[in-house]
Amino acid sequence: MKIDKKNYSRKSIVDNQIYPIADLLRFSKDQNGEIHFDPQKTHQGRGAYCLKTIEQIEQLFKKRLLNRAFKQNIEIEVYNKLRNEVDEWVRKIQEEEFPMLKK
């Protein structure tokens, strides 16, 4: 008998809807209280998820929703660092999916 993999799902902190985990971006908070962007979803610690759409990513940073998800005030510098990491990840993914757009 073949055992199927479970289809895990998580709730997006932007719109509070449940999505398959493959469609989400993960941000993690480690034991030291540091916040990290976790595109491979492998870091240990508490996680917060956001759907992989430009609109939800924009809302996440505009409304500073990680403050509520991790129950702490996160400095603007940390948000800027995370935003840069996410933007770099998006550029990399777009280049892989659409190599003809590469400049």
PDB file of N, CA and C in Angstrom:
ATOM      1  N   MET A   1       0.839  -1.176   0.000  1.00  0.00           N
ATOM      2  CA  MET A   1       0.000   0.000   0.000  1.00  0.00           C
ATOM      3  C   MET A   1       0.886   1.242   0.000  1.00  0.00           C
ATOM      4  N   LYS A   2       0.603   2.141  -0.908  1.00  0.00           N
ATOM      5  CA  LYS A   2       1.389   3.360  -1.046  1.00  0.00           C
ATOM      6  C   LYS A   2       0.859   4.430  -0.097  1.00  0.00           C
ATOM      7  N   ILE A   3       1.765   5.065   0.622  1.00  0.00           N
ATOM      8  CA  ILE A   3       1.378   6.129   1.546  1.00  0.00           C
ATOM      9  C   ILE A   3       1.611   7.466   0.849  1.00  0.00           C
ATOM     10  N   ASP A   4       0.561   8.256   0.745  1.00  0.00           N
ATOM     11  CA  ASP A   4       0.666   9.569   0.116  1.00  0.00           C
ATOM     12  C   ASP A   4       1.239  10.572   1.100  1.00  0.00           C
ATOM     13  N   LYS A   5       1.950  11.559   0.544  1.00  0.00           N
ATOM     14  CA  LYS A   5       2.442  12.649   1.378  1.00  0.00           C
ATOM     15  C   LYS A   5       1.272  13.491   1.839  1.00  0.00           C
ATOM     16  N   LYS A   6       1.386  14.021   3.037  1.00  0.00           N
ATOM     17  CA  LYS A   6       0.344  14.913   3.532  1.00  0.00           C
ATOM     18  C   LYS A   6       0.412  16.244   2.805  1.00  0.00           C
ATOM     19  N   ASN A   7      -0.725  16.826   2.589  1.00  0.00           N
ATOM     20  CA  ASN A   7      -0.790  18.164   2.010  1.00  0.00           C
ATOM     21  C   ASN A   7      -0.919  19.157   3.150  1.00  0.00           C
ATOM     22  N   TYR A   8       0.214  19.704   3.568  1.00  0.00           N
ATOM     23  CA  TYR A   8       0.209  20.642   4.672  1.00  0.00           C
ATOM     24  C   TYR A   8      -0.302  21.997   4.209  1.00  0.00           C
ATOM     25  N   SER A   9      -0.956  22.684   5.103  1.00  0.00           N
ATOM     26  CA  SER A   9      -1.437  24.026   4.795  1.00  0.00           C
ATOM     27  C   SER A   9      -1.196  24.922   6.001  1.00  0.00           C
ATOM     28  N   ARG A  10      -1.060  26.209   5.720  1.00  0.00           N
ATOM     29  CA  ARG A  10      -0.838  27.207   6.755  1.00  0.00           C
ATOM     30  C   ARG A  10      -1.675  28.434   6.429  1.00  0.00           C
ATOM     31  N   LYS A  11      -1.835  29.290   7.429  1.00  0.00           N
ATOM     32  CA  LYS A  11      -2.624  30.507   7.262  1.00  0.00           C
ATOM     33  C   LYS A  11      -1.711  31.683   6.939  1.00  0.00           C
ATOM     34  N   SER A  12      -2.097  32.438   5.939  1.00  0.00           N
ATOM     35  CA  SER A  12      -1.365  33.647   5.573  1.00  0.00           C
ATOM     36  C   SER A  12      -1.672  34.734   6.603  1.00  0.00           C
ATOM     37  N   ILE A  13      -0.642  35.456   7.057  1.00  0.00           N
ATOM     38  CA  ILE A  13      -0.867  36.505   8.052  1.00  0.00           C
ATOM     39  C   ILE A  13      -1.445  37.764   7.424  1.00  0.00           C
ATOM     40  N   VAL A  14      -1.469  37.842   6.097  1.00  0.00           N
ATOM     41  CA  VAL A  14      -1.989  39.032   5.424  1.00  0.00           C
ATOM     42  C   VAL A  14      -3.506  38.989   5.337  1.00  0.00           C
ATOM     43  N   ASP A  15      -4.065  37.877   4.845  1.00  0.00           N
ATOM     44  CA  ASP A  15      -5.517  37.813   4.656  1.00  0.00           C
ATOM     45  C   ASP A  15      -6.204  36.730   5.491  1.00  0.00           C
ATOM     46  N   ASN A  16      -5.461  36.048   6.342  1.00  0.00           N
ATOM     47  CA  ASN A  16      -5.999  35.014   7.234  1.00  0.00           C
ATOM     48  C   ASN A  16      -6.721  33.893   6.491  1.00  0.00           C
ATOM     49  N   GLN A  17      -6.292  33.596   5.280  1.00  0.00           N
ATOM     50  CA  GLN A  17      -6.826  32.475   4.518  1.00  0.00           C
ATOM     51  C   GLN A  17      -5.821  31.332   4.575  1.00  0.00           C
ATOM     52  N   ILE A  18      -6.324  30.107   4.484  1.00  0.00           N
ATOM     53  CA  ILE A  18      -5.469  28.935   4.539  1.00  0.00           C
ATOM     54  C   ILE A  18      -5.086  28.534   3.114  1.00  0.00           C
ATOM     55  N   TYR A  19      -3.772  28.305   2.906  1.00  0.00           N
ATOM     56  CA  TYR A  19      -3.234  27.941   1.602  1.00  0.00           C
ATOM     57  C   TYR A  19      -2.300  26.742   1.767  1.00  0.00           C
ATOM     58  N   PRO A  20      -2.058  25.987   0.677  1.00  0.00           N
ATOM     59  CA  PRO A  20      -1.030  24.938   0.735  1.00  0.00           C
ATOM     60  C   PRO A  20       0.332  25.568   1.019  1.00  0.00           C
ATOM     61  N   ILE A  21       1.136  24.874   1.765  1.00  0.00           N
ATOM     62  CA  ILE A  21       2.412  25.437   2.210  1.00  0.00           C
ATOM     63  C   ILE A  21       3.344  25.739   1.035  1.00  0.00           C
ATOM     64  N   ALA A  22       3.171  25.051  -0.092  1.00  0.00           N
ATOM     65  CA  ALA A  22       4.012  25.297  -1.266  1.00  0.00           C
ATOM     66  C   ALA A  22       3.745  26.666  -1.885  1.00  0.00           C
ATOM     67  N   ASP A  23       2.576  27.243  -1.634  1.00  0.00           N
ATOM     68  CA  ASP A  23       2.210  28.540  -2.210  1.00  0.00           C
ATOM     69  C   ASP A  23       2.584  29.708  -1.311  1.00  0.00           C
ATOM     70  N   LEU A  24       3.275  29.456  -0.201  1.00  0.00           N
ATOM     71  CA  LEU A  24       3.537  30.489   0.798  1.00  0.00           C
ATOM     72  C   LEU A  24       5.024  30.778   0.958  1.00  0.00           C
ATOM     73  N   LEU A  25       5.328  32.002   1.364  1.00  0.00           N
ATOM     74  CA  LEU A  25       6.671  32.391   1.798  1.00  0.00           C
ATOM     75  C   LEU A  25       6.716  32.297   3.314  1.00  0.00           C
ATOM     76  N   ARG A  26       7.876  31.943   3.868  1.00  0.00           N
ATOM     77  CA  ARG A  26       7.993  31.796   5.319  1.00  0.00           C
ATOM     78  C   ARG A  26       9.007  32.789   5.871  1.00  0.00           C
ATOM     79  N   PHE A  27       8.632  33.382   6.984  1.00  0.00           N
ATOM     80  CA  PHE A  27       9.531  34.206   7.783  1.00  0.00           C
ATOM     81  C   PHE A  27       9.636  33.515   9.129  1.00  0.00           C
ATOM     82  N   SER A  28      10.854  33.403   9.669  1.00  0.00           N
ATOM     83  CA  SER A  28      11.016  32.679  10.927  1.00  0.00           C
ATOM     84  C   SER A  28      11.686  33.558  11.975  1.00  0.00           C
ATOM     85  N   LYS A  29      11.345  33.257  13.217  1.00  0.00           N
ATOM     86  CA  LYS A  29      11.942  33.935  14.365  1.00  0.00           C
ATOM     87  C   LYS A  29      12.694  32.869  15.153  1.00  0.00           C
ATOM     88  N   ASP A  30      14.002  33.057  15.332  1.00  0.00           N
ATOM     89  CA  ASP A  30      14.786  32.058  16.047  1.00  0.00           C
ATOM     90  C   ASP A  30      14.764  32.313  17.554  1.00  0.00           C
ATOM     91  N   GLN A  31      15.499  31.499  18.302  1.00  0.00           N
ATOM     92  CA  GLN A  31      15.501  31.594  19.762  1.00  0.00           C
ATOM     93  C   GLN A  31      16.078  32.912  20.256  1.00  0.00           C
ATOM     94  N   ASN A  32      16.931  33.540  19.455  1.00  0.00           N
ATOM     95  CA  ASN A  32      17.530  34.816  19.846  1.00  0.00           C
ATOM     96  C   ASN A  32      16.624  35.997  19.534  1.00  0.00           C
ATOM     97  N   GLY A  33      15.482  35.736  18.929  1.00  0.00           N
ATOM     98  CA  GLY A  33      14.546  36.796  18.591  1.00  0.00           C
ATOM     99  C   GLY A  33      14.815  37.456  17.253  1.00  0.00           C
ATOM    100  N   GLU A  34      15.742  36.902  16.472  1.00  0.00           N
ATOM    101  CA  GLU A  34      16.059  37.464  15.163  1.00  0.00           C
ATOM    102  C   GLU A  34      15.073  36.940  14.123  1.00  0.00           C
ATOM    103  N   ILE A  35      14.688  37.816  13.197  1.00  0.00           N
ATOM    104  CA  ILE A  35      13.735  37.468  12.155  1.00  0.00           C
ATOM    105  C   ILE A  35      14.506  37.193  10.864  1.00  0.00           C
ATOM    106  N   HIS A  36      14.159  36.095  10.183  1.00  0.00           N
ATOM    107  CA  HIS A  36      14.837  35.702   8.950  1.00  0.00           C
ATOM    108  C   HIS A  36      13.814  35.394   7.866  1.00  0.00           C
ATOM    109  N   PHE A  37      14.186  35.670   6.616  1.00  0.00           N
ATOM    110  CA  PHE A  37      13.413  35.217   5.464  1.00  0.00           C
ATOM    111  C   PHE A  37      13.838  33.784   5.194  1.00  0.00           C
ATOM    112  N   ASP A  38      12.876  32.881   5.040  1.00  0.00           N
ATOM    113  CA  ASP A  38      13.159  31.448   4.957  1.00  0.00           C
ATOM    114  C   ASP A  38      12.493  30.848   3.718  1.00  0.00           C
ATOM    115  N   PRO A  39      13.053  31.067   2.516  1.00  0.00           N
ATOM    116  CA  PRO A  39      12.393  30.573   1.306  1.00  0.00           C
ATOM    117  C   PRO A  39      12.364  29.052   1.191  1.00  0.00           C
ATOM    118  N   GLN A  40      13.318  28.340   1.813  1.00  0.00           N
ATOM    119  CA  GLN A  40      13.316  26.879   1.760  1.00  0.00           C
ATOM    120  C   GLN A  40      12.465  26.253   2.861  1.00  0.00           C
ATOM    121  N   LYS A  41      11.990  27.067   3.783  1.00  0.00           N
ATOM    122  CA  LYS A  41      11.144  26.619   4.901  1.00  0.00           C
ATOM    123  C   LYS A  41      11.854  25.564   5.758  1.00  0.00           C
ATOM    124  N   THR A  42      13.134  25.812   6.064  1.00  0.00           N
ATOM    125  CA  THR A  42      13.911  24.846   6.827  1.00  0.00           C
ATOM    126  C   THR A  42      14.411  25.369   8.169  1.00  0.00           C
ATOM    127  N   HIS A  43      14.365  26.682   8.401  1.00  0.00           N
ATOM    128  CA  HIS A  43      14.878  27.233   9.659  1.00  0.00           C
ATOM    129  C   HIS A  43      14.027  26.779  10.833  1.00  0.00           C
ATOM    130  N   GLN A  44      14.678  26.612  11.953  1.00  0.00           N
ATOM    131  CA  GLN A  44      13.967  26.269  13.177  1.00  0.00           C
ATOM    132  C   GLN A  44      13.357  27.536  13.758  1.00  0.00           C
ATOM    133  N   GLY A  45      12.307  27.382  14.519  1.00  0.00           N
ATOM    134  CA  GLY A  45      11.702  28.517  15.190  1.00  0.00           C
ATOM    135  C   GLY A  45      10.284  28.772  14.728  1.00  0.00           C
ATOM    136  N   ARG A  46       9.698  29.799  15.307  1.00  0.00           N
ATOM    137  CA  ARG A  46       8.317  30.162  14.987  1.00  0.00           C
ATOM    138  C   ARG A  46       8.258  30.739  13.575  1.00  0.00           C
ATOM    139  N   GLY A  47       7.259  30.337  12.817  1.00  0.00           N
ATOM    140  CA  GLY A  47       7.133  30.791  11.443  1.00  0.00           C
ATOM    141  C   GLY A  47       5.887  31.623  11.220  1.00  0.00           C
ATOM    142  N   ALA A  48       5.972  32.526  10.263  1.00  0.00           N
ATOM    143  CA  ALA A  48       4.826  33.309   9.801  1.00  0.00           C
ATOM    144  C   ALA A  48       4.831  33.220   8.281  1.00  0.00           C
ATOM    145  N   TYR A  49       3.652  33.059   7.700  1.00  0.00           N
ATOM    146  CA  TYR A  49       3.548  32.785   6.275  1.00  0.00           C
ATOM    147  C   TYR A  49       2.791  33.876   5.536  1.00  0.00           C
ATOM    148  N   CYS A  50       3.172  34.069   4.266  1.00  0.00           N
ATOM    149  CA  CYS A  50       2.550  35.057   3.384  1.00  0.00           C
ATOM    150  C   CYS A  50       2.454  34.421   1.998  1.00  0.00           C
ATOM    151  N   LEU A  51       1.343  34.628   1.315  1.00  0.00           N
ATOM    152  CA  LEU A  51       1.160  34.086  -0.026  1.00  0.00           C
ATOM    153  C   LEU A  51       2.189  34.690  -0.980  1.00  0.00           C
ATOM    154  N   LYS A  52       2.643  33.906  -1.956  1.00  0.00           N
ATOM    155  CA  LYS A  52       3.680  34.345  -2.898  1.00  0.00           C
ATOM    156  C   LYS A  52       3.107  35.227  -4.002  1.00  0.00           C
ATOM    157  N   THR A  53       2.457  36.311  -3.628  1.00  0.00           N
ATOM    158  CA  THR A  53       1.982  37.276  -4.620  1.00  0.00           C
ATOM    159  C   THR A  53       2.551  38.644  -4.273  1.00  0.00           C
ATOM    160  N   ILE A  54       2.742  39.452  -5.294  1.00  0.00           N
ATOM    161  CA  ILE A  54       3.299  40.789  -5.080  1.00  0.00           C
ATOM    162  C   ILE A  54       2.393  41.606  -4.164  1.00  0.00           C
ATOM    163  N   GLU A  55       1.071  41.468  -4.335  1.00  0.00           N
ATOM    164  CA  GLU A  55       0.126  42.244  -3.529  1.00  0.00           C
ATOM    165  C   GLU A  55       0.255  41.912  -2.047  1.00  0.00           C
ATOM    166  N   GLN A  56       0.326  40.613  -1.736  1.00  0.00           N
ATOM    167  CA  GLN A  56       0.426  40.233  -0.322  1.00  0.00           C
ATOM    168  C   GLN A  56       1.782  40.604   0.263  1.00  0.00           C
ATOM    169  N   ILE A  57       2.830  40.486  -0.510  1.00  0.00           N
ATOM    170  CA  ILE A  57       4.154  40.873  -0.018  1.00  0.00           C
ATOM    171  C   ILE A  57       4.183  42.374   0.275  1.00  0.00           C
ATOM    172  N   GLU A  58       3.586  43.171  -0.625  1.00  0.00           N
ATOM    173  CA  GLU A  58       3.517  44.620  -0.410  1.00  0.00           C
ATOM    174  C   GLU A  58       2.752  44.948   0.872  1.00  0.00           C
ATOM    175  N   GLN A  59       1.607  44.303   1.078  1.00  0.00           N
ATOM    176  CA  GLN A  59       0.813  44.557   2.287  1.00  0.00           C
ATOM    177  C   GLN A  59       1.559  44.140   3.544  1.00  0.00           C
ATOM    178  N   LEU A  60       2.272  43.028   3.482  1.00  0.00           N
ATOM    179  CA  LEU A  60       3.025  42.538   4.634  1.00  0.00           C
ATOM    180  C   LEU A  60       4.005  43.595   5.128  1.00  0.00           C
ATOM    181  N   PHE A  61       4.735  44.218   4.208  1.00  0.00           N
ATOM    182  CA  PHE A  61       5.730  45.210   4.604  1.00  0.00           C
ATOM    183  C   PHE A  61       5.109  46.574   4.867  1.00  0.00           C
ATOM    184  N   LYS A  62       4.068  46.934   4.130  1.00  0.00           N
ATOM    185  CA  LYS A  62       3.433  48.236   4.323  1.00  0.00           C
ATOM    186  C   LYS A  62       2.753  48.325   5.686  1.00  0.00           C
ATOM    187  N   LYS A  63       2.043  47.268   6.073  1.00  0.00           N
ATOM    188  CA  LYS A  63       1.318  47.265   7.345  1.00  0.00           C
ATOM    189  C   LYS A  63       2.148  46.713   8.503  1.00  0.00           C
ATOM    190  N   ARG A  64       3.376  46.269   8.205  1.00  0.00           N
ATOM    191  CA  ARG A  64       4.290  45.722   9.222  1.00  0.00           C
ATOM    192  C   ARG A  64       3.612  44.595  10.006  1.00  0.00           C
ATOM    193  N   LEU A  65       3.084  43.613   9.281  1.00  0.00           N
ATOM    194  CA  LEU A  65       2.311  42.535   9.889  1.00  0.00           C
ATOM    195  C   LEU A  65       3.160  41.527  10.661  1.00  0.00           C
ATOM    196  N   LEU A  66       4.469  41.549  10.480  1.00  0.00           N
ATOM    197  CA  LEU A  66       5.318  40.634  11.248  1.00  0.00           C
ATOM    198  C   LEU A  66       5.339  41.014  12.724  1.00  0.00           C
ATOM    199  N   ASN A  67       5.076  42.283  13.041  1.00  0.00           N
ATOM    200  CA  ASN A  67       4.994  42.698  14.450  1.00  0.00           C
ATOM    201  C   ASN A  67       3.929  41.893  15.176  1.00  0.00           C
ATOM    202  N   ARG A  68       2.762  41.792  14.571  1.00  0.00           N
ATOM    203  CA  ARG A  68       1.658  41.080  15.210  1.00  0.00           C
ATOM    204  C   ARG A  68       1.905  39.571  15.213  1.00  0.00           C
ATOM    205  N   ALA A  69       2.463  39.052  14.125  1.00  0.00           N
ATOM    206  CA  ALA A  69       2.683  37.609  14.027  1.00  0.00           C
ATOM    207  C   ALA A  69       3.685  37.118  15.073  1.00  0.00           C
ATOM    208  N   PHE A  70       4.735  37.899  15.316  1.00  0.00           N
ATOM    209  CA  PHE A  70       5.767  37.479  16.263  1.00  0.00           C
ATOM    210  C   PHE A  70       5.622  38.138  17.630  1.00  0.00           C
ATOM    211  N   LYS A  71       4.576  38.933  17.825  1.00  0.00           N
ATOM    212  CA  LYS A  71       4.262  39.557  19.116  1.00  0.00           C
ATOM    213  C   LYS A  71       5.433  40.360  19.672  1.00  0.00           C
ATOM    214  N   GLN A  72       6.044  41.159  18.795  1.00  0.00           N
ATOM    215  CA  GLN A  72       7.122  42.044  19.217  1.00  0.00           C
ATOM    216  C   GLN A  72       7.257  43.161  18.191  1.00  0.00           C
ATOM    217  N   ASN A  73       7.826  44.275  18.611  1.00  0.00           N
ATOM    218  CA  ASN A  73       8.087  45.363  17.678  1.00  0.00           C
ATOM    219  C   ASN A  73       9.379  45.064  16.932  1.00  0.00           C
ATOM    220  N   ILE A  74       9.291  45.111  15.624  1.00  0.00           N
ATOM    221  CA  ILE A  74      10.443  44.836  14.775  1.00  0.00           C
ATOM    222  C   ILE A  74      10.905  46.162  14.190  1.00  0.00           C
ATOM    223  N   GLU A  75      12.202  46.407  14.255  1.00  0.00           N
ATOM    224  CA  GLU A  75      12.756  47.679  13.805  1.00  0.00           C
ATOM    225  C   GLU A  75      12.651  47.821  12.287  1.00  0.00           C
ATOM    226  N   ILE A  76      12.626  49.069  11.844  1.00  0.00           N
ATOM    227  CA  ILE A  76      12.521  49.381  10.419  1.00  0.00           C
ATOM    228  C   ILE A  76      13.709  48.793   9.649  1.00  0.00           C
ATOM    229  N   GLU A  77      14.901  48.804  10.256  1.00  0.00           N
ATOM    230  CA  GLU A  77      16.084  48.266   9.583  1.00  0.00           C
ATOM    231  C   GLU A  77      15.907  46.783   9.270  1.00  0.00           C
ATOM    232  N   VAL A  78      15.284  46.049  10.188  1.00  0.00           N
ATOM    233  CA  VAL A  78      15.045  44.618   9.968  1.00  0.00           C
ATOM    234  C   VAL A  78      14.048  44.434   8.827  1.00  0.00           C
ATOM    235  N   TYR A  79      12.996  45.254   8.814  1.00  0.00           N
ATOM    236  CA  TYR A  79      12.028  45.191   7.710  1.00  0.00           C
ATOM    237  C   TYR A  79      12.711  45.496   6.373  1.00  0.00           C
ATOM    238  N   ASN A  80      13.587  46.485   6.360  1.00  0.00           N
ATOM    239  CA  ASN A  80      14.296  46.831   5.122  1.00  0.00           C
ATOM    240  C   ASN A  80      15.190  45.686   4.665  1.00  0.00           C
ATOM    241  N   LYS A  81      15.877  45.047   5.608  1.00  0.00           N
ATOM    242  CA  LYS A  81      16.736  43.913   5.271  1.00  0.00           C
ATOM    243  C   LYS A  81      15.905  42.762   4.708  1.00  0.00           C
ATOM    244  N   LEU A  82      14.774  42.462   5.365  1.00  0.00           N
ATOM    245  CA  LEU A  82      13.897  41.393   4.885  1.00  0.00           C
ATOM    246  C   LEU A  82      13.338  41.730   3.508  1.00  0.00           C
ATOM    247  N   ARG A  83      12.965  42.985   3.314  1.00  0.00           N
ATOM    248  CA  ARG A  83      12.411  43.414   2.023  1.00  0.00           C
ATOM    249  C   ARG A  83      13.434  43.220   0.910  1.00  0.00           C
ATOM    250  N   ASN A  84      14.691  43.569   1.190  1.00  0.00           N
ATOM    251  CA  ASN A  84      15.749  43.383   0.193  1.00  0.00           C
ATOM    252  C   ASN A  84      15.951  41.909  -0.129  1.00  0.00           C
ATOM    253  N   GLU A  85      15.917  41.050   0.891  1.00  0.00           N
ATOM    254  CA  GLU A  85      16.068  39.614   0.675  1.00  0.00           C
ATOM    255  C   GLU A  85      14.919  39.062  -0.168  1.00  0.00           C
ATOM    256  N   VAL A  86      13.698  39.495   0.122  1.00  0.00           N
ATOM    257  CA  VAL A  86      12.532  39.026  -0.634  1.00  0.00           C
ATOM    258  C   VAL A  86      12.612  39.519  -2.076  1.00  0.00           C
ATOM    259  N   ASP A  87      12.979  40.774  -2.275  1.00  0.00           N
ATOM    260  CA  ASP A  87      13.097  41.313  -3.634  1.00  0.00           C
ATOM    261  C   ASP A  87      14.152  40.553  -4.439  1.00  0.00           C
ATOM    262  N   GLU A  88      15.276  40.254  -3.804  1.00  0.00           N
ATOM    263  CA  GLU A  88      16.333  39.491  -4.477  1.00  0.00           C
ATOM    264  C   GLU A  88      15.838  38.086  -4.835  1.00  0.00           C
ATOM    265  N   TRP A  89      15.103  37.460  -3.925  1.00  0.00           N
ATOM    266  CA  TRP A  89      14.550  36.127  -4.175  1.00  0.00           C
ATOM    267  C   TRP A  89      13.553  36.165  -5.339  1.00  0.00           C
ATOM    268  N   VAL A  90      12.704  37.192  -5.385  1.00  0.00           N
ATOM    269  CA  VAL A  90      11.720  37.329  -6.468  1.00  0.00           C
ATOM    270  C   VAL A  90      12.439  37.497  -7.804  1.00  0.00           C
ATOM    271  N   ARG A  91      13.484  38.327  -7.848  1.00  0.00           N
ATOM    272  CA  ARG A  91      14.248  38.511  -9.083  1.00  0.00           C
ATOM    273  C   ARG A  91      14.866  37.202  -9.553  1.00  0.00           C
ATOM    274  N   LYS A  92      15.412  36.448  -8.610  1.00  0.00           N
ATOM    275  CA  LYS A  92      16.042  35.172  -8.947  1.00  0.00           C
ATOM    276  C   LYS A  92      15.015  34.188  -9.511  1.00  0.00           C
ATOM    277  N   ILE A  93      13.842  34.116  -8.888  1.00  0.00           N
ATOM    278  CA  ILE A  93      12.787  33.213  -9.351  1.00  0.00           C
ATOM    279  C   ILE A  93      12.305  33.627 -10.739  1.00  0.00           C
ATOM    280  N   GLN A  94      12.134  34.924 -10.964  1.00  0.00           N
ATOM    281  CA  GLN A  94      11.679  35.394 -12.274  1.00  0.00           C
ATOM    282  C   GLN A  94      12.697  35.076 -13.361  1.00  0.00           C
ATOM    283  N   GLU A  95      13.976  35.194 -13.057  1.00  0.00           N
ATOM    284  CA  GLU A  95      15.011  34.872 -14.039  1.00  0.00           C
ATOM    285  C   GLU A  95      15.021  33.388 -14.363  1.00  0.00           C
ATOM    286  N   GLU A  96      14.747  32.538 -13.364  1.00  0.00           N
ATOM    287  CA  GLU A  96      14.713  31.098 -13.605  1.00  0.00           C
ATOM    288  C   GLU A  96      13.503  30.702 -14.446  1.00  0.00           C
ATOM    289  N   GLU A  97      12.356  31.317 -14.173  1.00  0.00           N
ATOM    290  CA  GLU A  97      11.136  30.959 -14.890  1.00  0.00           C
ATOM    291  C   GLU A  97      11.073  31.583 -16.278  1.00  0.00           C
ATOM    292  N   PHE A  98      11.620  32.784 -16.431  1.00  0.00           N
ATOM    293  CA  PHE A  98      11.559  33.506 -17.698  1.00  0.00           C
ATOM    294  C   PHE A  98      12.961  33.952 -18.108  1.00  0.00           C
ATOM    295  N   PRO A  99      13.793  33.037 -18.597  1.00  0.00           N
ATOM    296  CA  PRO A  99      15.173  33.415 -18.926  1.00  0.00           C
ATOM    297  C   PRO A  99      15.268  34.445 -20.051  1.00  0.00           C
ATOM    298  N   MET A 100      14.233  34.569 -20.894  1.00  0.00           N
ATOM    299  CA  MET A 100      14.292  35.543 -21.974  1.00  0.00           C
ATOM    300  C   MET A 100      14.182  36.977 -21.461  1.00  0.00           C
ATOM    301  N   LEU A 101      13.719  37.164 -20.207  1.00  0.00           N
ATOM    302  CA  LEU A 101      13.635  38.498 -19.617  1.00  0.00           C
ATOM    303  C   LEU A 101      14.961  38.947 -19.014  1.00  0.00           C
ATOM    304  N   LYS A 102      15.904  38.030 -18.919  1.00  0.00           N
ATOM    305  CA  LYS A 102      17.196  38.332 -18.304  1.00  0.00           C
ATOM    306  C   LYS A 102      17.934  39.363 -19.150  1.00  0.00           C
ATOM    307  N   LYS A 103      18.470  40.370 -18.486  1.00  0.00           N
ATOM    308  CA  LYS A 103      19.150  41.460 -19.201  1.00  0.00           C
ATOM    309  C   LYS A 103      20.624  41.199 -19.293  1.00  0.00           C
TER     310      LYS A 103
END
